Protein backbone atom coordinates (compact mmCIF):
# COMPACT_ATOMS: atom_id res chain seq x y z
CA MET A 1 0.40 -0.29 0.50
CA PRO A 2 1.64 3.24 -1.32
CA ASN A 3 1.92 5.31 1.74
CA ASP A 4 0.19 9.24 0.47
CA GLU A 5 0.38 12.26 2.46
CA ASN A 6 -2.50 12.98 0.68
CA THR A 7 -4.82 10.33 3.07
CA VAL A 8 -7.71 11.44 4.67
CA LYS A 9 -6.35 9.67 8.09
CA GLY A 10 -8.65 7.26 10.36
CA ARG A 11 -11.50 7.53 7.33
CA GLY A 12 -12.72 4.88 4.39
CA SER A 13 -14.10 7.27 2.66
CA GLN A 14 -11.09 10.04 0.77
CA ILE A 15 -13.56 12.13 -1.24
CA ASN A 16 -16.64 14.15 -0.05
CA LEU A 17 -19.31 13.62 -3.40
CA ALA A 18 -22.52 16.08 -4.18
CA ASN A 19 -25.13 15.26 -2.35
CA PRO A 20 -27.40 14.76 -5.83
CA TYR A 21 -30.56 16.07 -3.73
CA LEU A 22 -28.99 19.50 -3.16
CA LYS A 23 -28.40 21.92 -5.18
CA GLU A 24 -25.23 23.48 -3.83
CA THR A 25 -23.15 21.42 -1.61
CA PHE A 26 -19.65 22.01 -0.26
CA GLY A 27 -17.06 20.03 -0.49
CA GLN A 28 -13.53 19.33 -2.54
CA PHE A 29 -14.55 17.74 -5.83
CA GLU A 30 -10.57 16.86 -7.41
CA ALA A 31 -7.95 17.00 -5.50
CA ASP A 32 -6.48 20.20 -5.88
CA ALA A 33 -9.74 22.27 -6.06
CA ILE A 34 -8.73 24.13 -3.25
CA ASP A 35 -5.43 24.62 -1.28
CA ASP A 36 -5.85 25.00 2.28
CA TRP A 37 -8.75 21.97 2.15
CA GLN A 38 -8.71 20.56 5.70
CA GLU A 39 -11.15 17.60 5.50
CA GLY A 40 -8.98 15.50 7.47
CA LYS A 41 -9.36 17.64 11.16
CA VAL A 42 -13.17 17.82 10.67
CA ARG A 43 -14.24 16.00 13.98
CA THR A 44 -16.51 14.02 14.00
CA LYS A 45 -19.99 15.61 14.59
CA TYR A 46 -23.05 14.68 16.67
CA ILE A 47 -26.37 15.48 15.81
CA GLU A 48 -29.29 14.43 18.23
CA GLU A 49 -31.61 13.51 17.04
CA ASN A 50 -35.92 12.57 18.21
CA PRO A 51 -37.36 10.21 15.33
CA GLN A 52 -41.48 9.07 15.18
CA LYS A 53 -40.75 5.42 14.56
CA ILE A 54 -37.60 2.98 15.24
CA ILE A 55 -38.82 -0.85 14.00
CA ASN A 56 -37.98 -0.58 10.15
CA LYS A 57 -40.03 -3.11 7.86
CA VAL A 58 -37.43 -4.84 5.81
CA TYR A 59 -38.94 -5.75 2.17
CA SER A 60 -35.78 -7.85 0.35
CA PRO A 61 -35.96 -11.29 0.61
CA ASP A 62 -32.62 -12.04 0.38
CA LEU A 63 -31.70 -10.91 4.09
CA GLY A 64 -33.71 -13.51 6.27
CA PHE A 65 -35.49 -10.80 8.54
CA GLU A 66 -39.02 -8.76 8.67
CA TYR A 67 -37.80 -6.03 10.20
CA SER A 68 -34.66 -3.54 11.39
CA MET A 69 -33.53 -0.74 13.47
CA ASN A 70 -30.81 1.79 13.73
CA PRO A 71 -30.01 3.65 16.54
CA TYR A 72 -27.68 5.66 14.25
CA GLN A 73 -27.40 7.00 11.28
CA GLY A 74 -24.24 7.41 9.55
CA CYS A 75 -21.36 5.04 10.85
CA GLU A 76 -18.05 6.36 12.61
CA HIS A 77 -16.16 2.82 10.67
CA GLY A 78 -15.68 4.59 7.75
CA CYS A 79 -16.32 1.66 5.35
CA VAL A 80 -15.29 2.38 2.46
CA TYR A 81 -17.69 -0.19 0.06
CA CYS A 82 -20.40 0.33 3.43
CA TYR A 83 -24.42 0.73 0.66
CA ALA A 84 -25.27 2.54 3.51
CA ARG A 85 -23.87 5.88 2.81
CA ASN A 86 -26.70 6.21 0.21
CA THR A 87 -29.12 6.67 3.26
CA HIS A 88 -27.11 10.31 4.20
CA HIS A 89 -28.35 11.72 1.47
CA TYR A 90 -31.57 11.38 2.92
CA TRP A 91 -30.71 14.16 5.14
CA GLY A 92 -28.84 16.19 3.33
CA TYR A 93 -25.19 15.25 3.72
CA SER A 94 -22.91 13.78 1.63
CA ALA A 95 -22.45 9.67 1.37
CA GLY A 96 -18.54 10.04 1.62
CA LEU A 97 -16.44 11.89 3.91
CA ASP A 98 -19.89 13.27 5.78
CA PHE A 99 -21.54 9.51 6.13
CA GLU A 100 -18.50 8.76 8.37
CA ARG A 101 -18.32 11.92 10.38
CA ILE A 102 -21.80 13.52 10.26
CA ILE A 103 -24.06 10.71 13.03
CA ILE A 104 -26.96 11.08 13.25
CA VAL A 105 -28.35 10.02 17.50
CA LYS A 106 -32.12 8.43 17.59
CA LYS A 107 -31.88 9.82 20.49
CA ASN A 108 -35.39 8.15 22.01
CA ALA A 109 -35.24 5.41 20.13
CA PRO A 110 -36.02 3.29 23.39
CA VAL A 111 -39.45 5.13 23.92
CA LEU A 112 -40.36 4.69 20.52
CA LEU A 113 -39.04 0.58 20.83
CA GLU A 114 -41.22 -0.34 23.60
CA LYS A 115 -44.08 1.92 22.31
CA GLU A 116 -44.25 -0.41 19.14
CA LEU A 117 -44.13 -3.38 20.68
CA GLN A 118 -47.45 -2.57 23.22
CA HIS A 119 -49.24 -1.59 20.01
CA PRO A 120 -51.60 -4.29 19.98
CA LYS A 121 -51.62 -5.12 16.38
CA TRP A 122 -47.27 -5.86 17.05
CA LYS A 123 -47.02 -8.96 15.00
CA VAL A 124 -43.54 -10.63 16.96
CA SER A 125 -40.62 -11.53 14.28
CA PRO A 126 -36.87 -11.05 15.12
CA ILE A 127 -35.80 -7.97 14.81
CA MET A 128 -32.33 -7.10 13.37
CA PHE A 129 -30.08 -4.99 14.90
CA SER A 130 -29.04 -2.69 12.14
CA GLY A 131 -29.83 -2.81 8.62
CA ASN A 132 -28.51 -0.12 7.72
CA THR A 133 -24.71 1.32 10.22
CA ASP A 134 -23.47 -0.89 13.11
CA CYS A 135 -25.90 -0.45 16.47
CA TYR A 136 -22.12 -0.45 18.62
CA GLN A 137 -19.69 1.87 16.48
CA PRO A 138 -17.64 4.70 18.05
CA ALA A 139 -20.82 7.16 19.27
CA GLU A 140 -22.54 4.13 21.80
CA ARG A 141 -19.80 4.04 23.78
CA THR A 142 -21.36 7.72 24.63
CA TYR A 143 -24.52 7.42 24.23
CA GLY A 144 -26.33 3.87 25.22
CA ILE A 145 -29.06 3.82 22.81
CA THR A 146 -28.31 -0.17 22.19
CA ARG A 147 -28.21 -1.10 25.36
CA SER A 148 -31.18 0.66 26.47
CA MET A 149 -32.91 -1.05 23.84
CA LEU A 150 -31.76 -4.96 24.72
CA LYS A 151 -33.52 -4.17 28.17
CA VAL A 152 -36.55 -3.06 26.76
CA LEU A 153 -36.06 -5.96 24.13
CA LEU A 154 -35.61 -8.91 26.70
CA GLN A 155 -38.13 -7.00 29.36
CA TYR A 156 -40.60 -8.39 26.79
CA ARG A 157 -38.26 -11.09 26.09
CA HIS A 158 -38.93 -10.53 22.15
CA PRO A 159 -36.13 -11.70 19.51
CA VAL A 160 -33.85 -9.92 18.39
CA GLY A 161 -30.10 -10.15 15.78
CA LEU A 162 -27.44 -8.05 16.58
CA ILE A 163 -24.62 -8.18 13.58
CA THR A 164 -21.41 -5.73 14.55
CA LYS A 165 -17.76 -4.91 13.77
CA ASN A 166 -17.06 -3.73 17.20
CA ASP A 167 -16.18 -5.31 20.41
CA LEU A 168 -18.07 -3.00 22.13
CA ILE A 169 -20.44 -5.66 21.78
CA LEU A 170 -18.82 -7.60 25.12
CA ARG A 171 -20.05 -4.52 27.46
CA ASP A 172 -23.10 -5.77 26.83
CA LEU A 173 -22.75 -9.42 27.45
CA ASP A 174 -25.16 -10.10 30.54
CA LEU A 175 -28.41 -8.62 28.27
CA ILE A 176 -27.27 -10.94 25.94
CA LYS A 177 -26.67 -13.99 27.88
CA GLU A 178 -30.01 -13.58 29.04
CA LEU A 179 -31.61 -13.34 25.68
CA SER A 180 -29.55 -16.15 24.62
CA SER A 181 -30.96 -18.49 28.02
CA MET A 182 -34.17 -17.95 26.56
CA ASN A 183 -33.22 -18.36 22.94
CA LEU A 184 -33.80 -14.72 21.85
CA VAL A 185 -30.97 -13.89 19.97
CA HIS A 186 -28.37 -14.75 16.66
CA VAL A 187 -25.25 -12.87 16.67
CA ALA A 188 -23.16 -12.36 13.67
CA VAL A 189 -19.36 -10.70 14.05
CA SER A 190 -18.33 -9.48 10.75
CA ILE A 191 -14.74 -10.39 8.98
CA ASN A 192 -13.60 -10.35 6.22
CA SER A 193 -9.94 -10.53 6.53
CA LEU A 194 -7.04 -11.10 8.53
CA ASP A 195 -4.91 -8.66 6.88
CA GLU A 196 -4.82 -6.04 9.30
CA LYS A 197 -3.56 -3.53 6.93
CA LEU A 198 -5.78 -3.90 4.75
CA ARG A 199 -8.71 -3.60 7.64
CA LEU A 200 -7.31 0.03 8.12
CA ALA A 201 -7.21 1.15 5.04
CA LEU A 202 -10.72 -0.86 4.18
CA GLU A 203 -11.94 -0.56 7.72
CA PRO A 204 -10.29 2.53 9.18
CA ARG A 205 -12.31 2.86 12.68
CA THR A 206 -12.87 -1.42 13.24
CA ALA A 207 -11.95 -3.79 15.53
CA SER A 208 -9.07 -5.08 14.54
CA TYR A 209 -10.02 -8.96 13.78
CA ARG A 210 -8.28 -10.09 16.19
CA LYS A 211 -10.64 -8.28 18.79
CA ARG A 212 -13.58 -9.85 16.84
CA LEU A 213 -12.50 -13.14 16.95
CA LYS A 214 -12.18 -12.45 21.22
CA VAL A 215 -15.56 -11.06 20.68
CA ILE A 216 -16.46 -14.65 18.67
CA GLU A 217 -14.65 -16.64 22.23
CA LYS A 218 -16.05 -14.52 24.25
CA LEU A 219 -19.76 -14.90 23.79
CA SER A 220 -19.06 -18.85 22.40
CA GLU A 221 -18.11 -19.67 25.78
CA ASN A 222 -21.29 -17.96 26.99
CA GLY A 223 -23.08 -20.58 25.00
CA ILE A 224 -23.78 -17.69 22.69
CA ARG A 225 -24.75 -19.14 18.97
CA VAL A 226 -21.99 -16.56 16.31
CA ASN A 227 -22.40 -16.29 12.93
CA MET A 228 -19.21 -15.18 11.47
CA LEU A 229 -20.14 -12.44 8.57
CA ILE A 230 -17.77 -12.98 5.57
CA ALA A 231 -18.43 -9.27 3.29
CA PRO A 232 -18.03 -8.10 1.95
CA LEU A 233 -16.02 -10.35 -0.41
CA ILE A 234 -13.83 -8.16 -2.73
CA PRO A 235 -12.55 -10.08 -5.87
CA GLY A 236 -9.20 -9.42 -6.56
CA LEU A 237 -8.18 -7.44 -2.55
CA ASN A 238 -9.96 -10.32 0.07
CA SER A 239 -11.86 -12.94 -1.66
CA ASP A 240 -9.32 -14.93 -1.45
CA GLU A 241 -8.35 -15.91 2.50
CA ILE A 242 -11.88 -17.36 3.15
CA PRO A 243 -10.81 -20.59 3.59
CA ARG A 244 -8.45 -19.06 6.16
CA VAL A 245 -10.96 -16.24 7.55
CA MET A 246 -13.19 -19.08 8.65
CA LYS A 247 -10.82 -21.84 9.83
CA ALA A 248 -9.72 -18.89 12.35
CA GLY A 249 -14.04 -17.76 12.85
CA ALA A 250 -14.30 -21.48 13.27
CA GLU A 251 -11.36 -22.15 16.05
CA ALA A 252 -13.08 -18.70 18.06
CA GLY A 253 -15.82 -20.67 18.33
CA ALA A 254 -18.23 -19.75 16.04
CA SER A 255 -21.41 -21.83 15.16
CA SER A 256 -22.20 -20.46 11.14
CA ALA A 257 -20.32 -18.87 8.79
CA ALA A 258 -22.01 -16.73 5.69
CA ILE A 259 -20.46 -14.66 2.83
CA ILE A 260 -21.72 -11.80 0.82
CA LEU A 261 -20.17 -10.19 -2.73
CA ALA A 262 -19.83 -6.55 -3.02
CA ARG A 263 -21.65 -4.29 -4.87
CA LEU A 264 -21.00 -0.73 -5.57
CA ASN A 265 -24.71 0.92 -5.32
CA GLY A 266 -25.51 4.52 -6.26
CA ALA A 267 -22.15 7.10 -4.87
CA VAL A 268 -21.05 4.35 -2.94
CA GLY A 269 -19.38 3.32 -6.81
CA PRO A 270 -17.77 6.67 -7.93
CA ILE A 271 -16.23 6.72 -3.81
CA PHE A 272 -15.15 2.68 -3.89
CA GLU A 273 -13.03 3.40 -6.65
CA HIS A 274 -11.13 6.99 -5.62
CA TRP A 275 -10.72 4.68 -2.81
CA VAL A 276 -8.70 1.42 -4.07
CA ARG A 277 -7.41 3.56 -7.24
CA LYS A 278 -5.99 5.63 -4.35
CA LYS A 279 -4.57 3.04 -1.93
CA PHE A 280 -3.87 -0.29 -4.15
CA PRO A 281 -3.07 1.85 -7.92
CA ASP A 282 -1.16 -1.81 -8.30
CA ARG A 283 -4.38 -3.61 -8.56
CA ALA A 284 -7.66 -1.31 -9.59
CA ASP A 285 -8.65 -2.53 -12.85
CA LYS A 286 -8.83 -6.29 -11.82
CA VAL A 287 -10.48 -5.76 -8.44
CA MET A 288 -13.29 -3.21 -10.49
CA ASN A 289 -13.25 -5.38 -13.22
CA GLN A 290 -14.15 -8.36 -11.62
CA ILE A 291 -17.05 -6.68 -9.02
CA ALA A 292 -18.11 -5.20 -12.68
CA GLN A 293 -18.25 -9.44 -13.30
CA VAL A 294 -20.17 -10.41 -10.34
CA HIS A 295 -23.14 -7.89 -11.06
CA GLY A 296 -23.53 -8.73 -14.99
CA GLY A 297 -21.01 -6.36 -16.44
CA LYS A 298 -21.89 -3.26 -13.78
CA VAL A 299 -20.30 -2.94 -10.35
CA ASN A 300 -23.65 -1.68 -9.48
CA ASP A 301 -26.71 -4.34 -8.56
CA SER A 302 -30.79 -4.24 -6.66
CA ARG A 303 -31.51 -7.56 -8.60
CA PHE A 304 -33.39 -9.44 -5.46
CA GLY A 305 -31.55 -13.19 -4.85
CA LYS A 306 -28.49 -11.81 -7.47
CA ARG A 307 -27.71 -8.90 -5.04
CA MET A 308 -25.43 -10.59 -2.72
CA ARG A 309 -24.62 -13.66 -3.86
CA GLY A 310 -23.25 -12.43 -7.58
CA GLU A 311 -23.51 -14.52 -11.29
CA GLY A 312 -20.62 -15.71 -13.54
CA ASN A 313 -17.12 -17.14 -13.16
CA VAL A 314 -15.55 -15.37 -10.76
CA ALA A 315 -18.58 -15.53 -8.26
CA LEU A 316 -18.62 -19.32 -9.15
CA SER A 317 -15.52 -20.05 -7.75
CA ILE A 318 -15.48 -17.60 -4.08
CA HIS A 319 -18.68 -19.38 -3.66
CA GLN A 320 -17.23 -23.04 -4.60
CA LEU A 321 -14.29 -22.22 -1.73
CA PHE A 322 -16.60 -21.00 0.51
CA LYS A 323 -18.51 -24.02 0.33
CA ALA A 324 -15.71 -26.33 0.40
CA ALA A 325 -14.13 -24.07 3.46
CA ASN A 326 -17.93 -25.09 5.01
CA LYS A 327 -17.76 -27.91 4.70
CA LYS A 328 -14.41 -28.50 6.98
CA TYR A 329 -14.91 -26.17 9.30
CA PHE A 330 -18.77 -25.84 9.59
CA LYS A 331 -19.80 -29.54 9.04
CA GLU A 332 -23.18 -30.12 11.54
CA ARG A 333 -23.77 -26.47 12.89
CA PRO A 334 -27.37 -25.72 11.44
CA ILE A 335 -28.71 -21.76 12.38
CA VAL A 336 -31.71 -22.30 15.37
CA LYS A 337 -34.68 -20.61 14.41
CA LEU A 338 -35.74 -18.02 17.89
CA ASP A 339 -38.34 -18.21 20.42
CA SER A 340 -41.55 -15.72 19.00
CA SER A 341 -43.38 -18.14 22.19
CA ILE A 342 -42.84 -16.37 24.62
CA PHE A 343 -43.66 -12.39 24.26
CA ILE A 344 -45.02 -10.23 26.56
CA ARG A 345 -46.61 -7.33 26.15
CA ASN A 346 -48.05 -5.49 28.73
CA GLN A 347 -44.69 -4.52 30.62
CA LYS A 348 -44.42 -0.52 30.70
CA GLY A 349 -42.51 1.07 33.48
CA GLN A 350 -41.47 -2.16 35.01
CA LEU A 351 -37.63 -0.73 34.18
CA ASN A 352 -35.27 1.80 34.10
CA LEU A 353 -34.07 2.11 30.60
CA PHE A 354 -31.26 4.61 30.78
CA GLU A 355 -29.54 2.69 34.42
């Protein structure tokens, strides 16, 4: 990886693209446009918001769950490939650097969650933390919204899924362990490489891969089933690591594994391409071409059934490699369906959510 003095340190995206919904946008769109541009010195800003609802209906047949909730919008983890970057446009910001440094904090999320669970028409089905951004990103250390929401879910005996790249999840081991004892929680830990230099460029403010393996180990030791999500797999960048990543996850105690191929929808396409050409100029063409090959000739793909799996020879070779490693390291480890039968509806006021 080249040592580029112009790199925006600690951030994934290296640019701030224009928001297509705004008439005017402030930012740097050409490398030499503003001589004294100080993009890299801008600190993360948290904006507190009070939305009207927190549970979102999921209509995608690819995801395997009906509902999601996101206590934070935008994500300081800075994963350059993140599909959720596009949603920052709706808040009036850029999908580039703004996505990583302007975080919308939904402070009333626990209250909204309890209100929605109390609704007489609420149909119990597992809710996923988070459909877009990581519920254990750095803001959670300050705000504790995810923990408060887990308390609500435990109080109501409601099933939930958690996915994260941050070892902060271990702070809530007490709640997760109790949910697990009633078969009310699935946990997924995302690990797509074991190369720390790649992680620092690709996912700059996430927990190290070593720490994530420790998360799997600690959760497993406490009887909590953990799925290792190897995502996204980026052809020509980390796709060759499948066997060793799966071996490490299995040895740490993961009970299952899954993969998702990279897709670069909307603003993510130019953000990722700018990043890969800056960070890995020697293989940028190969990476971009192979991403296009797994999505019918385009780097973006919104087709249900295809967008996460890909197609063609490159995708086939990746899935064959995964299948072989899965058979070797994860045989006879099925995912258990969560229990939706013990939900208790009228529990308001029995817990202090913000202890």
